[in-house]
């Protein structure tokens, strides 16, 4: 199931127990239904706990990878997760996402 990054980010932000700060373990079986149910209502599509868990793990891995390779020139699609990179203490990833946002705004202002 494809879940919009913007919708997932907004829902995830409401539930700090799913952030996994300080390498804290996330109990998806116990609490994952909360997030899955909210996304199901928001998207009007059935979202399972497995969908949510997979999306979360992919996003987190992508942020960690981005943090380890701050000099890479490729644009990131993780703009919706700037707040999460900051919460996780991934400073290089947060800087990279911020720079992408600024470059995009600059591009928009030049094209109008």
PDB file of N, CA and C in Angstrom:
ATOM      1  N   UNK A   1       0.844  -1.179   0.000  1.00  0.00           N
ATOM      2  CA  UNK A   1       0.000   0.000   0.000  1.00  0.00           C
ATOM      3  C   UNK A   1       0.888   1.240   0.000  1.00  0.00           C
ATOM      4  N   UNK A   2       0.616   2.167  -0.872  1.00  0.00           N
ATOM      5  CA  UNK A   2       1.366   3.416  -0.939  1.00  0.00           C
ATOM      6  C   UNK A   2       0.698   4.430  -0.017  1.00  0.00           C
ATOM      7  N   UNK A   3       1.484   4.978   0.898  1.00  0.00           N
ATOM      8  CA  UNK A   3       0.982   5.980   1.832  1.00  0.00           C
ATOM      9  C   UNK A   3       1.702   7.293   1.527  1.00  0.00           C
ATOM     10  N   UNK A   4       0.951   8.358   1.355  1.00  0.00           N
ATOM     11  CA  UNK A   4       1.525   9.677   1.086  1.00  0.00           C
ATOM     12  C   UNK A   4       2.499  10.067   2.194  1.00  0.00           C
ATOM     13  N   UNK A   5       3.660  10.606   1.801  1.00  0.00           N
ATOM     14  CA  UNK A   5       4.642  11.040   2.792  1.00  0.00           C
ATOM     15  C   UNK A   5       4.100  12.162   3.669  1.00  0.00           C
ATOM     16  N   UNK A   6       3.364  13.079   3.083  1.00  0.00           N
ATOM     17  CA  UNK A   6       2.818  14.197   3.853  1.00  0.00           C
ATOM     18  C   UNK A   6       1.829  13.683   4.898  1.00  0.00           C
ATOM     19  N   UNK A   7       0.912  12.813   4.490  1.00  0.00           N
ATOM     20  CA  UNK A   7      -0.076  12.274   5.433  1.00  0.00           C
ATOM     21  C   UNK A   7       0.587  11.418   6.509  1.00  0.00           C
ATOM     22  N   UNK A   8       1.553  10.596   6.101  1.00  0.00           N
ATOM     23  CA  UNK A   8       2.238   9.742   7.069  1.00  0.00           C
ATOM     24  C   UNK A   8       3.020  10.590   8.071  1.00  0.00           C
ATOM     25  N   UNK A   9       3.701  11.609   7.580  1.00  0.00           N
ATOM     26  CA  UNK A   9       4.478  12.489   8.451  1.00  0.00           C
ATOM     27  C   UNK A   9       3.576  13.193   9.465  1.00  0.00           C
ATOM     28  N   UNK A  10       2.442  13.706   8.999  1.00  0.00           N
ATOM     29  CA  UNK A  10       1.507  14.394   9.893  1.00  0.00           C
ATOM     30  C   UNK A  10       0.975  13.451  10.968  1.00  0.00           C
ATOM     31  N   UNK A  11       0.626  12.234  10.578  1.00  0.00           N
ATOM     32  CA  UNK A  11       0.103  11.266  11.544  1.00  0.00           C
ATOM     33  C   UNK A  11       1.197  10.830  12.516  1.00  0.00           C
ATOM     34  N   UNK A  12       2.380  10.547  12.005  1.00  0.00           N
ATOM     35  CA  UNK A  12       3.492  10.096  12.846  1.00  0.00           C
ATOM     36  C   UNK A  12       3.857  11.146  13.885  1.00  0.00           C
ATOM     37  N   UNK A  13       3.791  12.393  13.498  1.00  0.00           N
ATOM     38  CA  UNK A  13       4.175  13.487  14.398  1.00  0.00           C
ATOM     39  C   UNK A  13       3.293  13.544  15.645  1.00  0.00           C
ATOM     40  N   UNK A  14       2.071  13.064  15.549  1.00  0.00           N
ATOM     41  CA  UNK A  14       1.135  13.084  16.679  1.00  0.00           C
ATOM     42  C   UNK A  14       1.450  12.029  17.736  1.00  0.00           C
ATOM     43  N   UNK A  15       2.261  11.023  17.375  1.00  0.00           N
ATOM     44  CA  UNK A  15       2.479   9.882  18.264  1.00  0.00           C
ATOM     45  C   UNK A  15       3.963   9.663  18.546  1.00  0.00           C
ATOM     46  N   UNK A  16       4.516  10.361  19.543  1.00  0.00           N
ATOM     47  CA  UNK A  16       5.947  10.225  19.860  1.00  0.00           C
ATOM     48  C   UNK A  16       6.370   8.800  20.212  1.00  0.00           C
ATOM     49  N   UNK A  17       5.437   7.962  20.628  1.00  0.00           N
ATOM     50  CA  UNK A  17       5.802   6.582  20.965  1.00  0.00           C
ATOM     51  C   UNK A  17       6.270   5.794  19.744  1.00  0.00           C
ATOM     52  N   UNK A  18       6.011   6.335  18.538  1.00  0.00           N
ATOM     53  CA  UNK A  18       6.450   5.661  17.311  1.00  0.00           C
ATOM     54  C   UNK A  18       7.732   6.256  16.730  1.00  0.00           C
ATOM     55  N   UNK A  19       8.308   7.237  17.407  1.00  0.00           N
ATOM     56  CA  UNK A  19       9.499   7.883  16.873  1.00  0.00           C
ATOM     57  C   UNK A  19      10.763   7.054  17.080  1.00  0.00           C
ATOM     58  N   UNK A  20      10.806   6.252  18.130  1.00  0.00           N
ATOM     59  CA  UNK A  20      11.989   5.427  18.384  1.00  0.00           C
ATOM     60  C   UNK A  20      13.208   6.242  18.777  1.00  0.00           C
ATOM     61  N   UNK A  21      12.994   7.277  19.589  1.00  0.00           N
ATOM     62  CA  UNK A  21      14.110   8.103  20.031  1.00  0.00           C
ATOM     63  C   UNK A  21      15.027   7.314  20.958  1.00  0.00           C
ATOM     64  N   UNK A  22      16.302   7.653  20.943  1.00  0.00           N
ATOM     65  CA  UNK A  22      17.313   6.983  21.778  1.00  0.00           C
ATOM     66  C   UNK A  22      17.316   5.471  21.578  1.00  0.00           C
ATOM     67  N   UNK A  23      17.106   5.052  20.347  1.00  0.00           N
ATOM     68  CA  UNK A  23      17.063   3.627  19.989  1.00  0.00           C
ATOM     69  C   UNK A  23      16.016   2.852  20.784  1.00  0.00           C
ATOM     70  N   UNK A  24      14.994   3.555  21.227  1.00  0.00           N
ATOM     71  CA  UNK A  24      13.894   2.924  21.959  1.00  0.00           C
ATOM     72  C   UNK A  24      13.122   2.009  21.016  1.00  0.00           C
ATOM     73  N   UNK A  25      12.789   0.844  21.500  1.00  0.00           N
ATOM     74  CA  UNK A  25      12.073  -0.141  20.691  1.00  0.00           C
ATOM     75  C   UNK A  25      10.608   0.271  20.530  1.00  0.00           C
ATOM     76  N   UNK A  26      10.089   0.106  19.328  1.00  0.00           N
ATOM     77  CA  UNK A  26       8.699   0.455  19.032  1.00  0.00           C
ATOM     78  C   UNK A  26       7.876  -0.826  19.008  1.00  0.00           C
ATOM     79  N   UNK A  27       6.799  -0.840  19.785  1.00  0.00           N
ATOM     80  CA  UNK A  27       5.929  -2.010  19.845  1.00  0.00           C
ATOM     81  C   UNK A  27       4.820  -1.862  18.798  1.00  0.00           C
ATOM     82  N   UNK A  28       5.113  -2.321  17.578  1.00  0.00           N
ATOM     83  CA  UNK A  28       4.146  -2.178  16.490  1.00  0.00           C
ATOM     84  C   UNK A  28       2.920  -3.051  16.707  1.00  0.00           C
ATOM     85  N   UNK A  29       3.116  -4.270  17.206  1.00  0.00           N
ATOM     86  CA  UNK A  29       1.972  -5.171  17.414  1.00  0.00           C
ATOM     87  C   UNK A  29       1.028  -4.605  18.462  1.00  0.00           C
ATOM     88  N   UNK A  30       1.592  -3.992  19.491  1.00  0.00           N
ATOM     89  CA  UNK A  30       0.784  -3.478  20.589  1.00  0.00           C
ATOM     90  C   UNK A  30       0.109  -2.145  20.236  1.00  0.00           C
ATOM     91  N   UNK A  31       0.867  -1.222  19.649  1.00  0.00           N
ATOM     92  CA  UNK A  31       0.363   0.136  19.438  1.00  0.00           C
ATOM     93  C   UNK A  31       0.182   0.548  17.980  1.00  0.00           C
ATOM     94  N   UNK A  32       0.669  -0.242  17.054  1.00  0.00           N
ATOM     95  CA  UNK A  32       0.652   0.144  15.643  1.00  0.00           C
ATOM     96  C   UNK A  32      -0.727   0.377  15.065  1.00  0.00           C
ATOM     97  N   UNK A  33      -1.721  -0.253  15.644  1.00  0.00           N
ATOM     98  CA  UNK A  33      -3.086  -0.120  15.136  1.00  0.00           C
ATOM     99  C   UNK A  33      -3.593   1.318  15.245  1.00  0.00           C
ATOM    100  N   UNK A  34      -3.114   2.051  16.233  1.00  0.00           N
ATOM    101  CA  UNK A  34      -3.523   3.451  16.403  1.00  0.00           C
ATOM    102  C   UNK A  34      -3.183   4.251  15.142  1.00  0.00           C
ATOM    103  N   UNK A  35      -1.942   4.133  14.715  1.00  0.00           N
ATOM    104  CA  UNK A  35      -1.474   4.866  13.540  1.00  0.00           C
ATOM    105  C   UNK A  35      -2.127   4.337  12.263  1.00  0.00           C
ATOM    106  N   UNK A  36      -2.249   3.028  12.163  1.00  0.00           N
ATOM    107  CA  UNK A  36      -2.882   2.420  10.982  1.00  0.00           C
ATOM    108  C   UNK A  36      -4.342   2.861  10.862  1.00  0.00           C
ATOM    109  N   UNK A  37      -5.054   2.891  11.979  1.00  0.00           N
ATOM    110  CA  UNK A  37      -6.460   3.310  11.957  1.00  0.00           C
ATOM    111  C   UNK A  37      -6.606   4.773  11.546  1.00  0.00           C
ATOM    112  N   UNK A  38      -5.735   5.628  12.072  1.00  0.00           N
ATOM    113  CA  UNK A  38      -5.808   7.050  11.705  1.00  0.00           C
ATOM    114  C   UNK A  38      -5.554   7.240  10.212  1.00  0.00           C
ATOM    115  N   UNK A  39      -4.558   6.542   9.690  1.00  0.00           N
ATOM    116  CA  UNK A  39      -4.248   6.659   8.265  1.00  0.00           C
ATOM    117  C   UNK A  39      -5.351   6.055   7.395  1.00  0.00           C
ATOM    118  N   UNK A  40      -6.001   5.017   7.883  1.00  0.00           N
ATOM    119  CA  UNK A  40      -7.125   4.420   7.156  1.00  0.00           C
ATOM    120  C   UNK A  40      -8.257   5.433   7.015  1.00  0.00           C
ATOM    121  N   UNK A  41      -8.557   6.141   8.095  1.00  0.00           N
ATOM    122  CA  UNK A  41      -9.613   7.158   8.062  1.00  0.00           C
ATOM    123  C   UNK A  41      -9.201   8.319   7.156  1.00  0.00           C
ATOM    124  N   UNK A  42      -7.962   8.777   7.296  1.00  0.00           N
ATOM    125  CA  UNK A  42      -7.472   9.923   6.516  1.00  0.00           C
ATOM    126  C   UNK A  42      -7.454   9.640   5.021  1.00  0.00           C
ATOM    127  N   UNK A  43      -6.996   8.446   4.650  1.00  0.00           N
ATOM    128  CA  UNK A  43      -6.843   8.116   3.230  1.00  0.00           C
ATOM    129  C   UNK A  43      -8.073   7.448   2.629  1.00  0.00           C
ATOM    130  N   UNK A  44      -8.999   7.026   3.489  1.00  0.00           N
ATOM    131  CA  UNK A  44     -10.186   6.293   3.055  1.00  0.00           C
ATOM    132  C   UNK A  44      -9.793   5.009   2.312  1.00  0.00           C
ATOM    133  N   UNK A  45      -8.675   4.426   2.745  1.00  0.00           N
ATOM    134  CA  UNK A  45      -8.138   3.182   2.194  1.00  0.00           C
ATOM    135  C   UNK A  45      -7.659   2.340   3.370  1.00  0.00           C
ATOM    136  N   UNK A  46      -7.792   1.048   3.271  1.00  0.00           N
ATOM    137  CA  UNK A  46      -7.341   0.187   4.360  1.00  0.00           C
ATOM    138  C   UNK A  46      -5.820   0.196   4.456  1.00  0.00           C
ATOM    139  N   UNK A  47      -5.322   0.629   5.605  1.00  0.00           N
ATOM    140  CA  UNK A  47      -3.888   0.648   5.897  1.00  0.00           C
ATOM    141  C   UNK A  47      -3.673  -0.310   7.060  1.00  0.00           C
ATOM    142  N   UNK A  48      -2.769  -1.250   6.892  1.00  0.00           N
ATOM    143  CA  UNK A  48      -2.508  -2.240   7.936  1.00  0.00           C
ATOM    144  C   UNK A  48      -1.329  -1.808   8.806  1.00  0.00           C
ATOM    145  N   UNK A  49      -1.198  -2.470   9.941  1.00  0.00           N
ATOM    146  CA  UNK A  49      -0.058  -2.236  10.829  1.00  0.00           C
ATOM    147  C   UNK A  49       1.237  -2.551  10.083  1.00  0.00           C
ATOM    148  N   UNK A  50       1.216  -3.584   9.259  1.00  0.00           N
ATOM    149  CA  UNK A  50       2.408  -3.956   8.486  1.00  0.00           C
ATOM    150  C   UNK A  50       2.792  -2.847   7.508  1.00  0.00           C
ATOM    151  N   UNK A  51       1.793  -2.220   6.868  1.00  0.00           N
ATOM    152  CA  UNK A  51       2.056  -1.102   5.954  1.00  0.00           C
ATOM    153  C   UNK A  51       2.741   0.047   6.693  1.00  0.00           C
ATOM    154  N   UNK A  52       2.209   0.364   7.864  1.00  0.00           N
ATOM    155  CA  UNK A  52       2.742   1.464   8.667  1.00  0.00           C
ATOM    156  C   UNK A  52       4.160   1.152   9.135  1.00  0.00           C
ATOM    157  N   UNK A  53       4.369  -0.054   9.611  1.00  0.00           N
ATOM    158  CA  UNK A  53       5.689  -0.468  10.093  1.00  0.00           C
ATOM    159  C   UNK A  53       6.719  -0.412   8.966  1.00  0.00           C
ATOM    160  N   UNK A  54       6.360  -0.923   7.813  1.00  0.00           N
ATOM    161  CA  UNK A  54       7.263  -0.919   6.662  1.00  0.00           C
ATOM    162  C   UNK A  54       7.599   0.510   6.229  1.00  0.00           C
ATOM    163  N   UNK A  55       6.581   1.366   6.157  1.00  0.00           N
ATOM    164  CA  UNK A  55       6.794   2.768   5.765  1.00  0.00           C
ATOM    165  C   UNK A  55       7.720   3.455   6.765  1.00  0.00           C
ATOM    166  N   UNK A  56       7.449   3.273   8.044  1.00  0.00           N
ATOM    167  CA  UNK A  56       8.272   3.891   9.083  1.00  0.00           C
ATOM    168  C   UNK A  56       9.724   3.438   8.978  1.00  0.00           C
ATOM    169  N   UNK A  57       9.924   2.138   8.848  1.00  0.00           N
ATOM    170  CA  UNK A  57      11.289   1.613   8.786  1.00  0.00           C
ATOM    171  C   UNK A  57      12.038   2.119   7.557  1.00  0.00           C
ATOM    172  N   UNK A  58      11.360   2.206   6.432  1.00  0.00           N
ATOM    173  CA  UNK A  58      12.005   2.728   5.209  1.00  0.00           C
ATOM    174  C   UNK A  58      12.389   4.193   5.365  1.00  0.00           C
ATOM    175  N   UNK A  59      11.502   4.980   5.951  1.00  0.00           N
ATOM    176  CA  UNK A  59      11.786   6.406   6.152  1.00  0.00           C
ATOM    177  C   UNK A  59      12.960   6.577   7.102  1.00  0.00           C
ATOM    178  N   UNK A  60      12.926   5.861   8.202  1.00  0.00           N
ATOM    179  CA  UNK A  60      14.006   5.981   9.187  1.00  0.00           C
ATOM    180  C   UNK A  60      15.346   5.554   8.579  1.00  0.00           C
ATOM    181  N   UNK A  61      15.358   4.449   7.858  1.00  0.00           N
ATOM    182  CA  UNK A  61      16.596   3.995   7.204  1.00  0.00           C
ATOM    183  C   UNK A  61      17.086   5.025   6.193  1.00  0.00           C
ATOM    184  N   UNK A  62      16.174   5.627   5.460  1.00  0.00           N
ATOM    185  CA  UNK A  62      16.551   6.645   4.476  1.00  0.00           C
ATOM    186  C   UNK A  62      17.155   7.872   5.154  1.00  0.00           C
ATOM    187  N   UNK A  63      16.584   8.284   6.280  1.00  0.00           N
ATOM    188  CA  UNK A  63      17.126   9.429   7.015  1.00  0.00           C
ATOM    189  C   UNK A  63      18.517   9.123   7.563  1.00  0.00           C
ATOM    190  N   UNK A  64      18.692   7.925   8.105  1.00  0.00           N
ATOM    191  CA  UNK A  64      20.003   7.531   8.635  1.00  0.00           C
ATOM    192  C   UNK A  64      21.026   7.478   7.508  1.00  0.00           C
ATOM    193  N   UNK A  65      20.651   6.914   6.376  1.00  0.00           N
ATOM    194  CA  UNK A  65      21.554   6.835   5.220  1.00  0.00           C
ATOM    195  C   UNK A  65      21.911   8.241   4.725  1.00  0.00           C
ATOM    196  N   UNK A  66      20.926   9.128   4.668  1.00  0.00           N
ATOM    197  CA  UNK A  66      21.162  10.508   4.256  1.00  0.00           C
ATOM    198  C   UNK A  66      22.103  11.205   5.236  1.00  0.00           C
ATOM    199  N   UNK A  67      21.961  10.899   6.507  1.00  0.00           N
ATOM    200  CA  UNK A  67      22.812  11.489   7.532  1.00  0.00           C
ATOM    201  C   UNK A  67      24.269  11.048   7.375  1.00  0.00           C
ATOM    202  N   UNK A  68      24.470   9.811   6.924  1.00  0.00           N
ATOM    203  CA  UNK A  68      25.828   9.275   6.771  1.00  0.00           C
ATOM    204  C   UNK A  68      26.513   9.777   5.512  1.00  0.00           C
ATOM    205  N   UNK A  69      25.740  10.244   4.535  1.00  0.00           N
ATOM    206  CA  UNK A  69      26.312  10.705   3.261  1.00  0.00           C
ATOM    207  C   UNK A  69      25.864  12.141   2.978  1.00  0.00           C
ATOM    208  N   UNK A  70      26.302  13.100   3.802  1.00  0.00           N
ATOM    209  CA  UNK A  70      25.822  14.476   3.650  1.00  0.00           C
ATOM    210  C   UNK A  70      26.309  15.178   2.389  1.00  0.00           C
ATOM    211  N   UNK A  71      27.367  14.700   1.774  1.00  0.00           N
ATOM    212  CA  UNK A  71      27.938  15.373   0.597  1.00  0.00           C
ATOM    213  C   UNK A  71      27.304  14.919  -0.717  1.00  0.00           C
ATOM    214  N   UNK A  72      26.489  13.890  -0.660  1.00  0.00           N
ATOM    215  CA  UNK A  72      25.860  13.369  -1.874  1.00  0.00           C
ATOM    216  C   UNK A  72      25.018  14.461  -2.541  1.00  0.00           C
ATOM    217  N   UNK A  73      25.063  14.539  -3.843  1.00  0.00           N
ATOM    218  CA  UNK A  73      24.397  15.624  -4.575  1.00  0.00           C
ATOM    219  C   UNK A  73      22.952  15.326  -4.958  1.00  0.00           C
ATOM    220  N   UNK A  74      22.558  14.081  -4.860  1.00  0.00           N
ATOM    221  CA  UNK A  74      21.200  13.701  -5.258  1.00  0.00           C
ATOM    222  C   UNK A  74      20.155  14.398  -4.381  1.00  0.00           C
ATOM    223  N   UNK A  75      19.066  14.827  -4.999  1.00  0.00           N
ATOM    224  CA  UNK A  75      17.986  15.462  -4.228  1.00  0.00           C
ATOM    225  C   UNK A  75      17.258  14.420  -3.387  1.00  0.00           C
ATOM    226  N   UNK A  76      16.741  14.861  -2.282  1.00  0.00           N
ATOM    227  CA  UNK A  76      16.014  13.957  -1.404  1.00  0.00           C
ATOM    228  C   UNK A  76      14.510  14.196  -1.527  1.00  0.00           C
ATOM    229  N   UNK A  77      13.739  13.150  -1.297  1.00  0.00           N
ATOM    230  CA  UNK A  77      12.275  13.275  -1.293  1.00  0.00           C
ATOM    231  C   UNK A  77      11.748  13.202   0.136  1.00  0.00           C
ATOM    232  N   UNK A  78      12.597  13.503   1.093  1.00  0.00           N
ATOM    233  CA  UNK A  78      12.243  13.355   2.498  1.00  0.00           C
ATOM    234  C   UNK A  78      11.837  14.678   3.149  1.00  0.00           C
ATOM    235  N   UNK A  79      11.426  15.638   2.352  1.00  0.00           N
ATOM    236  CA  UNK A  79      11.091  16.971   2.851  1.00  0.00           C
ATOM    237  C   UNK A  79      10.057  16.915   3.978  1.00  0.00           C
ATOM    238  N   UNK A  80       9.084  16.051   3.865  1.00  0.00           N
ATOM    239  CA  UNK A  80       8.023  15.951   4.873  1.00  0.00           C
ATOM    240  C   UNK A  80       8.551  15.464   6.221  1.00  0.00           C
ATOM    241  N   UNK A  81       9.775  14.953   6.233  1.00  0.00           N
ATOM    242  CA  UNK A  81      10.329  14.370   7.456  1.00  0.00           C
ATOM    243  C   UNK A  81      11.460  15.190   8.059  1.00  0.00           C
ATOM    244  N   UNK A  82      11.551  16.465   7.721  1.00  0.00           N
ATOM    245  CA  UNK A  82      12.578  17.330   8.312  1.00  0.00           C
ATOM    246  C   UNK A  82      12.464  17.311   9.834  1.00  0.00           C
ATOM    247  N   UNK A  83      11.262  17.449  10.348  1.00  0.00           N
ATOM    248  CA  UNK A  83      11.045  17.452  11.793  1.00  0.00           C
ATOM    249  C   UNK A  83      11.540  16.149  12.428  1.00  0.00           C
ATOM    250  N   UNK A  84      11.347  15.024  11.736  1.00  0.00           N
ATOM    251  CA  UNK A  84      11.730  13.710  12.273  1.00  0.00           C
ATOM    252  C   UNK A  84      13.251  13.574  12.303  1.00  0.00           C
ATOM    253  N   UNK A  85      13.925  14.064  11.275  1.00  0.00           N
ATOM    254  CA  UNK A  85      15.393  14.039  11.261  1.00  0.00           C
ATOM    255  C   UNK A  85      15.930  14.843  12.442  1.00  0.00           C
ATOM    256  N   UNK A  86      15.301  15.985  12.725  1.00  0.00           N
ATOM    257  CA  UNK A  86      15.719  16.811  13.865  1.00  0.00           C
ATOM    258  C   UNK A  86      15.476  16.067  15.171  1.00  0.00           C
ATOM    259  N   UNK A  87      14.302  15.453  15.325  1.00  0.00           N
ATOM    260  CA  UNK A  87      13.982  14.700  16.549  1.00  0.00           C
ATOM    261  C   UNK A  87      14.958  13.550  16.778  1.00  0.00           C
ATOM    262  N   UNK A  88      15.376  12.899  15.694  1.00  0.00           N
ATOM    263  CA  UNK A  88      16.305  11.771  15.807  1.00  0.00           C
ATOM    264  C   UNK A  88      17.748  12.224  15.999  1.00  0.00           C
ATOM    265  N   UNK A  89      17.989  13.526  15.908  1.00  0.00           N
ATOM    266  CA  UNK A  89      19.344  14.050  16.067  1.00  0.00           C
ATOM    267  C   UNK A  89      20.221  13.817  14.850  1.00  0.00           C
ATOM    268  N   UNK A  90      19.616  13.664  13.693  1.00  0.00           N
ATOM    269  CA  UNK A  90      20.354  13.423  12.449  1.00  0.00           C
ATOM    270  C   UNK A  90      20.616  14.772  11.770  1.00  0.00           C
ATOM    271  N   UNK A  91      21.616  15.486  12.296  1.00  0.00           N
ATOM    272  CA  UNK A  91      21.870  16.860  11.875  1.00  0.00           C
ATOM    273  C   UNK A  91      22.225  16.992  10.398  1.00  0.00           C
ATOM    274  N   UNK A  92      23.073  16.095   9.894  1.00  0.00           N
ATOM    275  CA  UNK A  92      23.443  16.172   8.477  1.00  0.00           C
ATOM    276  C   UNK A  92      22.219  15.966   7.582  1.00  0.00           C
ATOM    277  N   UNK A  93      21.372  15.027   7.951  1.00  0.00           N
ATOM    278  CA  UNK A  93      20.156  14.779   7.169  1.00  0.00           C
ATOM    279  C   UNK A  93      19.235  15.998   7.219  1.00  0.00           C
ATOM    280  N   UNK A  94      19.084  16.588   8.400  1.00  0.00           N
ATOM    281  CA  UNK A  94      18.234  17.772   8.547  1.00  0.00           C
ATOM    282  C   UNK A  94      18.770  18.932   7.705  1.00  0.00           C
ATOM    283  N   UNK A  95      20.091  19.115   7.710  1.00  0.00           N
ATOM    284  CA  UNK A  95      20.692  20.180   6.894  1.00  0.00           C
ATOM    285  C   UNK A  95      20.449  19.939   5.412  1.00  0.00           C
ATOM    286  N   UNK A  96      20.609  18.715   5.002  1.00  0.00           N
ATOM    287  CA  UNK A  96      20.428  18.353   3.593  1.00  0.00           C
ATOM    288  C   UNK A  96      18.989  18.598   3.133  1.00  0.00           C
ATOM    289  N   UNK A  97      18.032  18.196   3.969  1.00  0.00           N
ATOM    290  CA  UNK A  97      16.620  18.405   3.643  1.00  0.00           C
ATOM    291  C   UNK A  97      16.315  19.903   3.603  1.00  0.00           C
ATOM    292  N   UNK A  98      16.833  20.650   4.574  1.00  0.00           N
ATOM    293  CA  UNK A  98      16.630  22.109   4.607  1.00  0.00           C
ATOM    294  C   UNK A  98      17.187  22.765   3.350  1.00  0.00           C
ATOM    295  N   UNK A  99      18.375  22.345   2.948  1.00  0.00           N
ATOM    296  CA  UNK A  99      18.979  22.899   1.734  1.00  0.00           C
ATOM    297  C   UNK A  99      18.140  22.588   0.503  1.00  0.00           C
ATOM    298  N   UNK A 100      17.590  21.388   0.437  1.00  0.00           N
ATOM    299  CA  UNK A 100      16.720  21.028  -0.688  1.00  0.00           C
ATOM    300  C   UNK A 100      15.475  21.919  -0.727  1.00  0.00           C
ATOM    301  N   UNK A 101      14.914  22.200   0.446  1.00  0.00           N
ATOM    302  CA  UNK A 101      13.734  23.068   0.525  1.00  0.00           C
ATOM    303  C   UNK A 101      14.089  24.469   0.033  1.00  0.00           C
ATOM    304  N   UNK A 102      15.227  24.985   0.494  1.00  0.00           N
ATOM    305  CA  UNK A 102      15.654  26.330   0.086  1.00  0.00           C
ATOM    306  C   UNK A 102      15.937  26.406  -1.415  1.00  0.00           C
ATOM    307  N   UNK A 103      16.585  25.383  -1.953  1.00  0.00           N
ATOM    308  CA  UNK A 103      16.864  25.356  -3.389  1.00  0.00           C
ATOM    309  C   UNK A 103      15.570  25.313  -4.200  1.00  0.00           C
ATOM    310  N   UNK A 104      14.599  24.552  -3.725  1.00  0.00           N
ATOM    311  CA  UNK A 104      13.325  24.456  -4.433  1.00  0.00           C
ATOM    312  C   UNK A 104      12.590  25.799  -4.403  1.00  0.00           C
ATOM    313  N   UNK A 105      12.609  26.471  -3.242  1.00  0.00           N
ATOM    314  CA  UNK A 105      11.974  27.789  -3.144  1.00  0.00           C
ATOM    315  C   UNK A 105      12.663  28.786  -4.071  1.00  0.00           C
ATOM    316  N   UNK A 106      13.984  28.708  -4.136  1.00  0.00           N
ATOM    317  CA  UNK A 106      14.751  29.589  -5.022  1.00  0.00           C
ATOM    318  C   UNK A 106      14.369  29.321  -6.480  1.00  0.00           C
ATOM    319  N   UNK A 107      14.256  28.054  -6.830  1.00  0.00           N
ATOM    320  CA  UNK A 107      13.859  27.660  -8.182  1.00  0.00           C
ATOM    321  C   UNK A 107      12.472  28.208  -8.520  1.00  0.00           C
ATOM    322  N   UNK A 108      11.537  28.087  -7.576  1.00  0.00           N
ATOM    323  CA  UNK A 108      10.175  28.576  -7.812  1.00  0.00           C
ATOM    324  C   UNK A 108      10.148  30.087  -8.011  1.00  0.00           C
ATOM    325  N   UNK A 109      10.929  30.802  -7.223  1.00  0.00           N
ATOM    326  CA  UNK A 109      10.930  32.263  -7.343  1.00  0.00           C
ATOM    327  C   UNK A 109      11.560  32.718  -8.664  1.00  0.00           C
ATOM    328  N   UNK A 110      12.508  31.956  -9.181  1.00  0.00           N
ATOM    329  CA  UNK A 110      13.146  32.302 -10.449  1.00  0.00           C
ATOM    330  C   UNK A 110      12.242  31.997 -11.640  1.00  0.00           C
ATOM    331  N   UNK A 111      11.405  30.986 -11.497  1.00  0.00           N
ATOM    332  CA  UNK A 111      10.561  30.585 -12.626  1.00  0.00           C
ATOM    333  C   UNK A 111       9.277  31.405 -12.738  1.00  0.00           C
ATOM    334  N   UNK A 112       9.004  32.233 -11.734  1.00  0.00           N
ATOM    335  CA  UNK A 112       7.769  33.028 -11.830  1.00  0.00           C
ATOM    336  C   UNK A 112       8.022  34.454 -12.208  1.00  0.00           C
TER     337      UNK A 112
END
